[in-house]
Every structure is written in structure tokens, then in C-alpha cells.
Amino acid sequence: MSASRIEPEHEQPTEQPTSDLLAALLDGMDAALCAFDADGVITHWNREAERILGWTPEEAVGRRGFAGWAVRSADAGEVQGRLMAVMGVPGRQVHEFALLRKDGGRVLVRMQSAGVRGADGQPAGIYCAFSEVHAQIDLERAIALSEALFEDASWGVVLVDVDLRPTVVNAHAARALSAGRSTLLGRPLGELILQGVDELEGALHHVLAEGALPAPAEIWVTLRTAEGERRRCWRCGFLRLASPLAEEPVPLGVGWLFQDVTESKEAAQEADRLRFRANQLHRASHAASECEDPMEAATSYLDYALAGFADHALIDLVPEGGTRLVRAAATPSPEPGPTLPYASGIPLRYAAGHPALQAVERIGAVRASGAAADTGWAADRLWLPGTVHALCVVLRSRGLTLGVVTFLRGASRAAFEKPDAVYAESVAVRIAAAVDLARALSGPGA
């Protein structure tokens, strides 16, 4: 087009907007881009290429190859030959080159090149996308880490969206949640976790709003599984995920990492429990040694044993020469308090099969539990109202059965377990010794 030519007013040129759009797209790319025509002359050079090498588009476009400015002269022939050979090869080729920056420094780049064909199908040039090798390696490490976390990690990893629904679940987390990886996706956490979900969701909301927690959190949960309910303790860490492409941090969700620490927590709790109970028995022995009345010593053992163990307790004895149990002492009702002696001596009307009678018959401990809603269960067994769990332990001394001590728990406590029975038997041995001494001091017929 000559300088004197005047364009019609109605004609709208299209080449300039198209070239502006192409330039904007190239400059906006995160990767460094350049292109060569079929003769090896640079036709395009974007801002990222300028950032890496320091050469501006004005300085780069129009040069033939990299020789003499962006690559050492000794390497120029090999580099140019490998690049231009791409025109005749289908697909992309990956190379690593040491290029020169404008300030004279060297930078190792990883370059992907592909041929460009013209409208006639003939080779018309090549385009190249390159980045610094260390940046590429960092990206590959990040991808490798992500894949390893979701395949081989020895702890649970779950990505949760802003609606607190799992979007990605690794194999370890799926096993911990007792469900398949695909079946967990998009489901509310409340469908999987019966108890503890409020605490977990509260932590997730906090991370979305405020960022990562300063330290791992230990959360107790009860899971719904095909085998029934399971109570577990998870040590959890949380990371807020934000889009790296947005100018402002836009939360994409939360990365939730957790380990099952149930066994170690239960072991620590059991150790604390045993230490506390041993201390209580030690204190009870000191208190009992100061009691002039052996029966007062027996109730002192019971009072110390109740702390953190049961709500109420009963001592039923077998009178010498008798066969039926008689109430000797009990804690007050309805509020707990020190064990009080009974002076009535009226035999108890325990029905056949009563846990206390079973303990006498077996010469051991018997555990029993009823339904919290069944108010008649405790009344039928002559126990205090509200009792849901009971543990009856026989009192033995010098080869004789002296009676039974019964520990009672309400609905707010868990059922008695085997370790509880072992502790109760340790208490019963001391109570039985005190009862035996009281009988020996009171003489025959006591």
C-alpha cells in the first residue's frame, strides 16, 4: 500500500486488530514463546521470553537464529540445526539448551518445539515454548508430590470444596472412612461421620475464613460403617487452597490431612487411668490405716474407689451362719456422697439370677447393662433409679465368701469393661480384708 493511497471511509481494516490480539495473547502467556519462519528468522518474541533472557521483542524479532546473541557461537550450529529439524518431524520435540542472557549470564532452558505448516501444507516455520529448567523441575516436583499424596501417602488426604464436600480422596482416607474413593465424592461429611462432624466442619470453616490452623488438631469421631459404629481419633492438619491464577486469593477449598492416632490416644488414656486408680488405692490405704473401726476402713476404700469410676456403690454381706445377702453399706441417693452404713440387717429380696448372686456363685466379677429408657430394669434388681450399668464383685477373705460389692453407673457413663472389673477386684480384696477383721474383732455370730 502506497503512502498516497486513501482508504474508503466505509472500509474497516482487519489485519491490525488481529495482530494486536495475537500480540496480547502471546504477551499474556506464562511460558516464554518465540517463533521462526522457514529461513530461521525470528518472527515472534513475547514478554516472558524477554523476562528470562533480557532481550526485548524489538531486539529479537528479525534476527536469524540465536547465533551471536542468545547462544554461544560454539553451540549455535547445533542449536539451530536441532530447532529447524523440527519442521519435518510430526509432533513436539523437547530439548534442553544453555542460552545467553543479555547481561552475559547463562540460563538452562527446557524448550518444546513444533513445526508450523502453511496454507499449502508445506513447512512454514516452527514455534518454541521454553522455561527455565529449575522452574520446570519445581512444577514437576509439585505434580509428583500431588500424585504421591493421592496414591501412596501413609496418611489420609482429602480435598474439600467450599461447600465442605470431598472432591478428591486418596486411598488411605477412603480406608479410614470405610468407603470407596468414588463413593465419597460430593457427599456431605455428616453422612459418613455420626459424631464429631460439627468440630471437623468448624475447623474447615475456620480455615476457609482465616487460613491454616497454627497446630494439628485432634478430633474424636464416630464413623458409620457396614460393621457398625467405630470411634476413632484423628490428628488433623488443614491447608487453605487458593487459585494461583486470580489477582485476589480465591478459596478453592481445604486440603485436609489426617492420621489415625486412636491406638496411641487410648493407650495414653489407659496409662493415665491406671496411674490415677493406683494413686486412689494408695490414698485409700493411708486413710484406712487411720480408722479404728474396720468397717469404717471398708467404706473408706469404697469412697476412694468411686472417684472417676462409678456413681454409686453397695456393700452386701453374708451374715455368719446365713445364706441371704444383707445390705451393710451404700452411697446416698439421689446425690452421691460418702458411703453410709446400714443397721437394719434385713435380708435382700434378690431374685434368682441377680448379678450379685451370680458373683457369689461364680466367685468372680459379673457385669450387667440395661437400656437407658427401661426404668424398671434397675428397680427389678433393687438398685438406685437411673442405673444403667452395674458391676458386682465378690468379697473373699481367708477362702470364705463374705459378700458382694456392687458399683453402679448411670446413662451418662459407658458400660463397665474388663479393665474396670480388674480394678474393682483390687478394691474388693481390701474391703474384704477390712470386713473380715471387723468380724474377727466382734466375735462369733457377727
Protein backbone atom coordinates (compact mmCIF):
# COMPACT_ATOMS: atom_id res chain seq x y z
CA MET A 1 0.00 0.00 0.00
CA SER A 2 1.47 3.39 -1.05
CA ALA A 3 1.57 6.33 1.33
CA SER A 4 -0.66 8.39 -1.01
CA ARG A 5 -3.49 5.88 -1.14
CA ILE A 6 -6.65 6.96 0.70
CA GLU A 7 -8.84 4.20 2.16
CA PRO A 8 -12.60 4.49 1.69
CA GLU A 9 -14.39 5.65 4.82
CA HIS A 10 -16.59 2.55 4.93
CA GLU A 11 -13.67 0.09 4.76
CA GLN A 12 -12.61 -1.27 8.18
CA PRO A 13 -9.11 -2.76 8.25
CA THR A 14 -8.97 -6.20 9.92
CA GLU A 15 -5.25 -7.02 9.95
CA GLN A 16 -4.31 -4.58 12.70
CA PRO A 17 -6.87 -5.76 15.31
CA THR A 18 -5.96 -9.38 14.53
CA SER A 19 -2.25 -8.75 15.00
CA ASP A 20 -2.95 -6.78 18.21
CA LEU A 21 -4.97 -9.69 19.57
CA LEU A 22 -2.22 -12.15 18.73
CA ALA A 23 0.39 -9.95 20.38
CA ALA A 24 -1.75 -9.61 23.51
CA LEU A 25 -2.24 -13.36 23.70
CA LEU A 26 1.46 -14.04 23.29
CA ASP A 27 2.47 -11.45 25.89
CA GLY A 28 -0.08 -12.76 28.37
CA MET A 29 1.28 -16.31 28.33
CA ASP A 30 3.11 -17.64 31.39
CA ALA A 31 5.57 -19.51 29.14
CA ALA A 32 8.25 -17.90 27.03
CA LEU A 33 7.28 -18.11 23.35
CA CYS A 34 9.18 -17.44 20.14
CA ALA A 35 8.67 -18.43 16.50
CA PHE A 36 10.90 -18.82 13.45
CA ASP A 37 9.97 -18.75 9.80
CA ALA A 38 11.21 -21.36 7.33
CA ASP A 39 14.52 -19.47 6.97
CA GLY A 40 15.17 -19.44 10.71
CA VAL A 41 14.30 -15.77 11.21
CA ILE A 42 12.57 -14.90 14.48
CA THR A 43 9.03 -13.64 13.88
CA HIS A 44 7.57 -13.60 17.40
CA TRP A 45 9.03 -12.97 20.88
CA ASN A 46 6.82 -12.47 23.94
CA ARG A 47 7.30 -10.72 27.27
CA GLU A 48 8.13 -13.90 29.22
CA ALA A 49 10.99 -14.60 26.78
CA GLU A 50 12.18 -11.06 27.46
CA ARG A 51 11.98 -11.64 31.21
CA ILE A 52 14.06 -14.81 31.06
CA LEU A 53 16.73 -13.68 28.60
CA GLY A 54 16.58 -9.89 28.86
CA TRP A 55 16.24 -9.29 25.09
CA THR A 56 13.25 -7.16 24.11
CA PRO A 57 10.94 -8.11 21.20
CA GLU A 58 12.39 -5.22 19.22
CA GLU A 59 15.90 -6.62 19.69
CA ALA A 60 14.94 -10.26 18.99
CA VAL A 61 12.45 -10.16 16.10
CA GLY A 62 14.16 -10.20 12.72
CA ARG A 63 17.34 -11.95 13.85
CA ARG A 64 18.36 -15.17 12.13
CA GLY A 65 18.60 -17.85 14.79
CA PHE A 66 20.27 -17.43 18.18
CA ALA A 67 23.84 -17.24 16.93
CA GLY A 68 25.93 -14.38 18.23
CA TRP A 69 23.44 -13.05 20.81
CA ALA A 70 21.31 -15.70 22.66
CA VAL A 71 23.65 -18.68 22.38
CA ARG A 72 27.41 -19.17 22.33
CA SER A 73 28.97 -19.26 18.87
CA ALA A 74 30.34 -22.74 19.52
CA ASP A 75 26.84 -24.06 20.20
CA ALA A 76 24.92 -22.01 17.65
CA GLY A 77 25.10 -24.51 14.80
CA GLU A 78 23.92 -27.45 16.87
CA VAL A 79 21.10 -25.47 18.49
CA GLN A 80 19.86 -24.05 15.19
CA GLY A 81 20.05 -27.41 13.47
CA ARG A 82 18.07 -29.20 16.17
CA LEU A 83 15.41 -26.49 16.17
CA MET A 84 14.93 -26.27 12.41
CA ALA A 85 14.86 -30.07 12.08
CA VAL A 86 11.54 -29.98 13.90
CA MET A 87 9.83 -28.63 10.78
CA GLY A 88 9.99 -32.02 9.11
CA VAL A 89 9.02 -34.12 12.16
CA PRO A 90 5.42 -34.61 13.33
CA GLY A 91 4.53 -33.76 16.93
CA ARG A 92 6.54 -31.87 19.51
CA GLN A 93 10.20 -32.22 20.38
CA VAL A 94 11.74 -31.39 23.76
CA HIS A 95 15.27 -30.00 24.07
CA GLU A 96 17.42 -28.50 26.80
CA PHE A 97 19.73 -25.65 25.80
CA ALA A 98 22.07 -23.28 27.60
CA LEU A 99 21.08 -19.82 26.32
CA LEU A 100 22.72 -16.46 26.94
CA ARG A 101 21.03 -13.59 28.71
CA LYS A 102 21.53 -10.03 27.59
CA ASP A 103 23.73 -9.37 30.63
CA GLY A 104 26.03 -12.21 29.57
CA GLY A 105 24.84 -14.80 32.06
CA ARG A 106 23.82 -18.29 31.03
CA VAL A 107 20.49 -19.94 31.76
CA LEU A 108 19.49 -23.55 31.13
CA VAL A 109 16.07 -23.77 29.49
CA ARG A 110 13.79 -26.62 28.55
CA MET A 111 12.20 -25.96 25.15
CA GLN A 112 9.28 -27.63 23.39
CA SER A 113 9.27 -27.07 19.62
CA ALA A 114 6.84 -28.00 16.85
CA GLY A 115 6.66 -27.33 13.14
CA VAL A 116 4.19 -24.90 11.56
CA ARG A 117 2.74 -25.54 8.11
CA GLY A 118 1.37 -23.01 5.69
CA ALA A 119 -1.94 -22.99 3.85
CA ASP A 120 -0.38 -25.17 1.15
CA GLY A 121 0.65 -27.79 3.69
CA GLN A 122 4.35 -27.06 3.32
CA PRO A 123 6.65 -26.34 6.30
CA ALA A 124 6.46 -22.63 7.09
CA GLY A 125 8.49 -22.41 10.32
CA ILE A 126 8.49 -23.51 13.94
CA TYR A 127 7.24 -22.23 17.25
CA CYS A 128 9.01 -22.76 20.56
CA ALA A 129 7.83 -22.59 24.17
CA PHE A 130 10.54 -22.58 26.82
CA SER A 131 11.07 -22.03 30.54
CA GLU A 132 13.95 -22.14 32.96
CA VAL A 133 14.78 -25.73 33.83
CA HIS A 134 14.61 -25.13 37.59
CA ALA A 135 11.09 -23.69 37.22
CA GLN A 136 10.06 -26.70 35.17
CA ILE A 137 11.58 -29.05 37.74
CA ASP A 138 9.71 -27.21 40.52
CA LEU A 139 6.46 -27.72 38.60
CA GLU A 140 7.22 -31.39 38.03
CA ARG A 141 8.04 -31.82 41.72
CA ALA A 142 4.72 -30.22 42.66
CA ILE A 143 2.85 -32.52 40.31
CA ALA A 144 4.79 -35.57 41.55
CA LEU A 145 4.08 -34.60 45.16
CA SER A 146 0.37 -34.24 44.42
CA GLU A 147 0.23 -37.64 42.73
CA ALA A 148 2.17 -39.29 45.55
CA LEU A 149 -0.13 -37.81 48.20
CA PHE A 150 -3.19 -39.17 46.45
CA GLU A 151 -1.75 -42.59 45.74
CA ASP A 152 0.98 -43.67 48.15
CA ALA A 153 0.69 -41.47 51.26
CA SER A 154 0.54 -43.26 54.62
CA TRP A 155 -1.97 -40.72 55.94
CA GLY A 156 -5.38 -39.62 54.75
CA VAL A 157 -5.59 -36.75 52.25
CA VAL A 158 -8.92 -35.23 51.28
CA LEU A 159 -9.63 -32.13 49.20
CA VAL A 160 -12.82 -30.45 50.38
CA ASP A 161 -14.62 -27.77 48.34
CA VAL A 162 -16.12 -24.58 49.79
CA ASP A 163 -19.37 -26.49 50.44
CA LEU A 164 -17.37 -28.91 52.64
CA ARG A 165 -17.88 -31.86 50.29
CA PRO A 166 -14.95 -34.14 49.33
CA THR A 167 -13.73 -33.67 45.76
CA VAL A 168 -10.59 -35.83 45.86
CA VAL A 169 -9.88 -38.65 48.33
CA ASN A 170 -6.73 -40.74 48.50
CA ALA A 171 -6.70 -44.49 49.15
CA HIS A 172 -5.67 -44.17 52.81
CA ALA A 173 -8.51 -41.75 53.59
CA ALA A 174 -11.03 -43.99 51.84
CA ARG A 175 -9.98 -46.93 54.04
CA ALA A 176 -10.17 -44.75 57.17
CA LEU A 177 -13.69 -43.65 56.22
CA SER A 178 -14.70 -47.23 55.30
CA ALA A 179 -15.93 -46.28 51.84
CA GLY A 180 -14.80 -46.31 48.24
CA ARG A 181 -12.87 -43.34 46.85
CA SER A 182 -15.50 -42.55 44.23
CA THR A 183 -18.49 -43.05 46.54
CA LEU A 184 -17.16 -40.39 48.95
CA LEU A 185 -17.08 -37.63 46.35
CA GLY A 186 -19.69 -34.91 46.72
CA ARG A 187 -21.29 -36.43 49.84
CA PRO A 188 -21.80 -34.33 52.98
CA LEU A 189 -19.42 -35.28 55.79
CA GLY A 190 -22.42 -35.80 58.07
CA GLU A 191 -23.38 -38.88 56.05
CA LEU A 192 -20.09 -40.54 56.97
CA ILE A 193 -19.44 -39.22 60.48
CA LEU A 194 -22.07 -39.62 63.18
CA GLN A 195 -20.32 -37.76 66.00
CA GLY A 196 -17.55 -35.19 65.78
CA VAL A 197 -18.68 -33.81 62.41
CA ASP A 198 -19.53 -30.41 63.94
CA GLU A 199 -16.00 -30.00 65.27
CA LEU A 200 -14.49 -31.10 61.95
CA GLU A 201 -16.69 -28.78 59.89
CA GLY A 202 -15.95 -25.94 62.31
CA ALA A 203 -12.24 -26.40 61.67
CA LEU A 204 -12.82 -26.44 57.90
CA HIS A 205 -14.89 -23.24 58.06
CA HIS A 206 -12.17 -21.55 60.12
CA VAL A 207 -9.50 -22.48 57.58
CA LEU A 208 -11.60 -21.18 54.69
CA ALA A 209 -12.11 -17.88 56.51
CA GLU A 210 -8.84 -17.38 58.38
CA GLY A 211 -6.24 -19.74 56.94
CA ALA A 212 -4.38 -22.77 58.28
CA LEU A 213 -4.58 -23.66 61.96
CA PRO A 214 -1.39 -22.97 63.95
CA ALA A 215 -1.05 -26.63 65.04
CA PRO A 216 -2.59 -30.03 64.22
CA ALA A 217 -5.95 -30.69 65.85
CA GLU A 218 -7.02 -33.99 67.42
CA ILE A 219 -10.66 -34.77 66.71
CA TRP A 220 -12.64 -37.74 68.05
CA VAL A 221 -15.25 -39.01 65.59
CA THR A 222 -17.74 -41.86 65.41
CA LEU A 223 -17.97 -43.39 61.94
CA ARG A 224 -20.91 -45.19 60.35
CA THR A 225 -19.59 -48.40 58.75
CA ALA A 226 -21.03 -51.65 57.42
CA GLU A 227 -19.81 -53.39 60.59
CA GLY A 228 -21.43 -50.81 62.88
CA GLU A 229 -20.24 -47.66 64.59
CA ARG A 230 -16.50 -47.09 65.14
CA ARG A 231 -14.99 -44.42 67.39
CA ARG A 232 -11.67 -43.06 66.14
CA CYS A 233 -9.28 -40.21 66.96
CA TRP A 234 -7.72 -38.33 64.04
CA ARG A 235 -4.80 -35.92 64.21
CA CYS A 236 -5.72 -33.40 61.50
CA GLY A 237 -3.89 -30.70 59.60
CA PHE A 238 -5.64 -28.22 57.31
CA LEU A 239 -4.42 -26.05 54.42
CA ARG A 240 -6.46 -23.41 52.61
CA LEU A 241 -6.30 -23.85 48.84
CA ALA A 242 -6.37 -20.67 46.75
CA SER A 243 -6.25 -20.21 42.99
CA PRO A 244 -2.80 -19.11 41.74
CA LEU A 245 -4.41 -17.58 38.66
CA ALA A 246 -6.51 -14.94 40.42
CA GLU A 247 -5.28 -11.49 41.42
CA GLU A 248 -7.10 -11.78 44.74
CA PRO A 249 -6.83 -15.05 46.73
CA VAL A 250 -9.92 -17.05 45.80
CA PRO A 251 -10.50 -20.06 48.09
CA LEU A 252 -10.92 -23.30 46.18
CA GLY A 253 -11.41 -25.38 49.31
CA VAL A 254 -9.32 -27.03 52.00
CA GLY A 255 -6.64 -29.68 51.92
CA TRP A 256 -7.37 -31.95 54.90
CA LEU A 257 -4.61 -34.34 56.01
CA PHE A 258 -5.13 -36.73 58.91
CA GLN A 259 -3.66 -39.72 60.71
CA ASP A 260 -5.49 -42.24 62.86
CA VAL A 261 -3.98 -41.98 66.35
CA THR A 262 -6.71 -43.90 68.16
CA GLU A 263 -4.45 -46.63 69.50
CA SER A 264 -1.85 -44.26 70.90
CA LYS A 265 -4.52 -41.99 72.42
CA GLU A 266 -6.32 -44.93 74.01
CA ALA A 267 -3.01 -46.26 75.35
CA ALA A 268 -2.22 -42.85 76.84
CA GLN A 269 -5.71 -42.61 78.36
CA GLU A 270 -5.38 -46.10 79.80
CA ALA A 271 -1.99 -45.23 81.30
CA ASP A 272 -3.47 -42.09 82.88
CA ARG A 273 -6.43 -44.11 84.18
CA LEU A 274 -4.20 -46.77 85.74
CA ARG A 275 -1.97 -44.12 87.30
CA PHE A 276 -4.99 -42.35 88.81
CA ARG A 277 -6.50 -45.57 90.14
CA ALA A 278 -3.20 -46.68 91.68
CA ASN A 279 -2.95 -43.29 93.38
CA GLN A 280 -6.51 -43.64 94.71
CA LEU A 281 -5.76 -47.06 96.18
CA HIS A 282 -2.62 -45.64 97.78
CA ARG A 283 -4.58 -42.77 99.33
CA ALA A 284 -7.33 -45.18 100.44
CA SER A 285 -4.78 -47.41 102.19
CA HIS A 286 -3.42 -44.44 104.14
CA ALA A 287 -6.93 -43.29 105.10
CA ALA A 288 -7.99 -46.82 106.13
CA SER A 289 -4.93 -47.25 108.32
CA GLU A 290 -6.16 -44.36 110.50
CA CYS A 291 -9.63 -45.88 111.04
CA GLU A 292 -10.22 -47.55 114.43
CA ASP A 293 -13.33 -49.34 113.13
CA PRO A 294 -12.54 -51.89 110.36
CA MET A 295 -15.98 -51.31 108.77
CA GLU A 296 -15.19 -47.62 108.55
CA ALA A 297 -11.99 -48.60 106.76
CA ALA A 298 -14.05 -50.74 104.34
CA THR A 299 -16.30 -47.81 103.43
CA SER A 300 -13.23 -45.56 103.14
CA TYR A 301 -11.81 -47.89 100.47
CA LEU A 302 -15.12 -47.68 98.63
CA ASP A 303 -15.29 -43.89 98.75
CA TYR A 304 -11.84 -43.52 97.20
CA ALA A 305 -12.59 -46.14 94.57
CA LEU A 306 -15.74 -44.35 93.38
CA ALA A 307 -13.88 -41.24 92.19
CA GLY A 308 -14.00 -41.27 88.38
CA PHE A 309 -15.14 -44.90 88.40
CA ALA A 310 -18.84 -45.14 89.30
CA ASP A 311 -21.78 -43.07 90.51
CA HIS A 312 -22.89 -45.25 93.43
CA ALA A 313 -21.83 -48.38 95.29
CA LEU A 314 -23.36 -51.00 97.60
CA ILE A 315 -21.85 -53.46 100.07
CA ASP A 316 -23.96 -56.60 100.67
CA LEU A 317 -22.66 -59.14 103.18
CA VAL A 318 -23.46 -62.75 104.02
CA PRO A 319 -24.06 -63.00 107.80
CA GLU A 320 -22.21 -65.79 109.58
CA GLY A 321 -24.49 -68.78 109.54
CA GLY A 322 -26.80 -67.11 106.99
CA THR A 323 -27.32 -67.62 103.25
CA ARG A 324 -29.03 -64.46 102.04
CA LEU A 325 -27.24 -61.17 101.42
CA VAL A 326 -27.82 -58.28 103.80
CA ARG A 327 -27.18 -54.63 102.96
CA ALA A 328 -24.26 -53.38 105.08
CA ALA A 329 -23.45 -50.00 103.44
CA ALA A 330 -24.41 -47.86 100.45
CA THR A 331 -23.83 -44.43 98.99
CA PRO A 332 -26.74 -41.98 99.41
CA SER A 333 -29.33 -41.34 96.69
CA PRO A 334 -30.10 -39.47 94.53
CA GLU A 335 -26.97 -37.33 95.01
CA PRO A 336 -23.66 -39.18 95.54
CA GLY A 337 -21.82 -38.83 98.81
CA PRO A 338 -19.78 -40.74 101.42
CA THR A 339 -20.78 -44.38 101.92
CA LEU A 340 -23.20 -44.79 104.84
CA PRO A 341 -23.62 -47.94 106.99
CA TYR A 342 -26.92 -49.85 107.20
CA ALA A 343 -28.04 -51.21 110.56
CA SER A 344 -31.32 -52.96 109.62
CA GLY A 345 -29.91 -56.43 108.95
CA ILE A 346 -32.95 -57.26 106.78
CA PRO A 347 -32.11 -59.84 104.08
CA LEU A 348 -32.33 -58.55 100.50
CA ARG A 349 -35.01 -59.98 98.22
CA TYR A 350 -32.73 -60.57 95.25
CA ALA A 351 -34.44 -62.68 92.59
CA ALA A 352 -32.77 -65.76 91.17
CA GLY A 353 -30.19 -64.84 88.55
CA HIS A 354 -29.47 -61.47 90.13
CA PRO A 355 -25.91 -60.29 89.17
CA ALA A 356 -24.90 -60.12 92.85
CA LEU A 357 -25.96 -63.74 93.38
CA GLN A 358 -24.16 -64.74 90.19
CA ALA A 359 -20.96 -63.12 91.53
CA VAL A 360 -21.25 -65.19 94.73
CA GLU A 361 -21.89 -68.36 92.76
CA ARG A 362 -19.03 -67.80 90.30
CA ILE A 363 -16.67 -66.28 92.88
CA GLY A 364 -15.81 -63.56 90.41
CA ALA A 365 -16.98 -60.35 88.76
CA VAL A 366 -20.28 -60.01 86.86
CA ARG A 367 -21.12 -57.10 84.54
CA ALA A 368 -24.68 -56.11 83.60
CA SER A 369 -26.25 -53.35 81.50
CA GLY A 370 -29.80 -52.31 80.70
CA ALA A 371 -31.47 -49.84 78.38
CA ALA A 372 -31.47 -46.20 79.47
CA ALA A 373 -35.18 -45.94 78.67
CA ASP A 374 -36.07 -49.03 80.74
CA THR A 375 -36.71 -47.53 84.18
CA GLY A 376 -37.87 -50.87 85.56
CA TRP A 377 -34.56 -52.61 84.89
CA ALA A 378 -32.83 -51.05 87.93
CA ALA A 379 -35.92 -51.28 90.14
CA ASP A 380 -36.28 -55.04 89.48
CA ARG A 381 -32.74 -55.54 90.77
CA LEU A 382 -33.21 -53.27 93.81
CA TRP A 383 -30.71 -50.76 92.51
CA LEU A 384 -30.88 -46.97 92.59
CA PRO A 385 -33.11 -45.23 89.98
CA GLY A 386 -31.24 -44.20 86.87
CA THR A 387 -28.83 -47.12 87.00
CA VAL A 388 -27.93 -48.43 83.55
CA HIS A 389 -24.66 -50.29 84.14
CA ALA A 390 -23.60 -52.45 87.11
CA LEU A 391 -20.52 -54.39 88.19
CA CYS A 392 -20.77 -56.96 91.00
CA VAL A 393 -17.56 -58.27 92.60
CA VAL A 394 -17.41 -60.98 95.27
CA LEU A 395 -15.75 -60.25 98.63
CA ARG A 396 -13.36 -63.08 99.58
CA SER A 397 -11.01 -63.42 102.54
CA ARG A 398 -9.27 -66.49 104.03
CA GLY A 399 -11.02 -68.70 101.48
CA LEU A 400 -14.51 -67.54 102.53
CA THR A 401 -17.15 -65.56 100.63
CA LEU A 402 -18.09 -62.58 102.80
CA GLY A 403 -20.43 -60.78 100.42
CA VAL A 404 -20.58 -58.66 97.27
CA VAL A 405 -19.66 -55.07 96.42
CA THR A 406 -21.71 -53.54 93.57
CA PHE A 407 -20.69 -50.49 91.53
CA LEU A 408 -23.42 -48.61 89.63
CA ARG A 409 -23.25 -46.19 86.68
CA GLY A 410 -25.90 -44.01 85.07
CA ALA A 411 -26.65 -43.41 81.39
CA SER A 412 -24.00 -40.68 81.11
CA ARG A 413 -21.23 -43.22 81.60
CA ALA A 414 -20.04 -46.10 79.45
CA ALA A 415 -20.62 -49.73 80.37
CA PHE A 416 -18.10 -51.46 82.62
CA GLU A 417 -15.31 -53.25 80.75
CA LYS A 418 -12.80 -55.93 81.66
CA PRO A 419 -10.13 -53.46 82.94
CA ASP A 420 -12.83 -51.97 85.20
CA ALA A 421 -13.52 -55.42 86.64
CA VAL A 422 -9.80 -55.90 87.39
CA TYR A 423 -9.71 -52.60 89.27
CA ALA A 424 -12.94 -53.44 91.14
CA GLU A 425 -11.44 -56.76 92.25
CA SER A 426 -8.40 -54.92 93.66
CA VAL A 427 -10.75 -52.73 95.68
CA ALA A 428 -12.83 -55.75 96.76
CA VAL A 429 -9.75 -57.50 98.17
CA ARG A 430 -9.10 -54.56 100.51
CA ILE A 431 -12.78 -54.23 101.51
CA ALA A 432 -12.99 -57.97 102.19
CA ALA A 433 -9.89 -57.82 104.46
CA ALA A 434 -11.45 -54.97 106.45
CA VAL A 435 -14.82 -56.79 106.75
CA ASP A 436 -13.03 -59.97 107.86
CA LEU A 437 -11.14 -58.02 110.53
CA ALA A 438 -14.36 -56.43 111.75
CA ARG A 439 -15.92 -59.88 112.17
CA ALA A 440 -12.88 -61.22 113.96
CA LEU A 441 -12.90 -58.33 116.41
CA SER A 442 -16.64 -58.55 117.08
CA GLY A 443 -16.51 -62.21 118.00
CA PRO A 444 -18.65 -65.22 116.94
CA GLY A 445 -22.08 -64.59 115.46
CA ALA A 446 -21.21 -61.22 113.96
